[in-house]
Amino acid sequence: MSKIEEKEADGPPFGLQNIPSRNLVDFVLKTRDSAQKASYLVEYTPQPIEIKDEQNEKIIFALCLAENLLKKPTAIPPKTQENQSKSENVAKNSPFLPPFAKGSHVCSISLSENIKYELILNKFPVWPNHLLCVSNPYVNQTDLLSKQELSMLLGLLESFDSDDHESIIFMNSGAESGATQLHRHVHCLFIKKPVSKKLLKLSNDDQYVNELFNEKNKLFHFLKVDFDLQSKQTKLNLPQLLHDEYIKILDKWNTVDLLAPKGVSYNLVLLRNTMIIIPRKESHWVFHDKNENDPVRIAINALPFVGVVFADTKLGFECVKKIERMRDKTVYPVLFLRLVVLIKNIIFLLSCTKKIFKIKSGPK
């Protein structure tokens, strides 16, 4: 696994020998204390509510009002990311390069003599202890992940996953993925149990993942790869296995998508024993409220696909609460009518993915 640079210090940034490491959670918590004392973080208190199917009371996803996200800057103009991603000016002005704000830098992770990653606190967290793993020097967010980088992310996943916490690592790549910065950054979250079990409903729903992620169509489909992170034999070959599947699905999408010659936008999610890759066409879900002159836009990154939606305004929050009343939406293409009932339940999430066919659910 990757090595974390050694540094003698009583406070952040900390030094560790390697990852995975069970000390990393403790170091993150200490770094967060320092960041709060330095007034670095723009936080809110998550109070998730459950959005349920009105007919069978099944929970579809959790919804949070995260108004701190309104203050978050963005460096990705809609639909023009590819034209600016190599710009020297973008790299020079990246907020993810040192020197870092006091109390925000957890540690450095060395991949080679010339490349390392910095583990820093997200200034605008969607959940407490929200981390960003950012490249140093600058790497474009849409560049492919290497096997070495995937190995590092698996080490972080194992470091944060424990009997007390459940970890999520995700990356948003491309203008339609929900990414807001051009600099390579991967999100890391670890959520206390049992809150995580209640919050992450979709990721633990076997029927959901089996019916949805294993369904294929003529052009695009989701990729879901299960693995055993605790198996020593599996762990040895796991980075190569996941990287092969990652490259294979992106090659397939880019071959058939003539409208995206520079790459399909996608979300990559790593959970305890699962890697999920989701093709994207739209970065926002647009809600047309008859009482509003302008449509309400809800940004969608990787997290809604594992069961958590964040609205940055009260109006958006109220609009998402009405989602079960919506029926005529364009959804991710599937070829089997038996999925219509399932699609009705997750229509909000899938309206932000590849739009190839239109499926409408019947009236209530």
Foldseek 3Di string as FASTA:
>chain_A
DWAWADDDDPAPQHHDGHFPDLCLVVLLVRLVVFCVVVVQAQEDDWDWDFQAQPPPRHTLFIETAQQLCVPDAFDFDAPCCVVCLPPPVQQVPDQQDDPHDTSFWHTWIDLDPQKIWTWGADNRDPDPSKIKTFIPRFDFQQDDDDLSNLLVVLRVQVNQDDPFWWKKKKGWHDNFALDRGGTHIIIIDIDTPPVCVVRQPQQPDVVNCVVQQPFDDDAAGKDKDFAACPDPVCSVCVSVVVSVVVVVRFVRNCVRPPVCVPGFIWMWMDTNGMIIIATFDHQWDWADDPVDPGTDTFGDHCVVNRHYGYGNDPVVSVRVSCLLVDWFAFFDDGDDPVCLVVCSSNVRVRSGHDGDDGDTDDDD
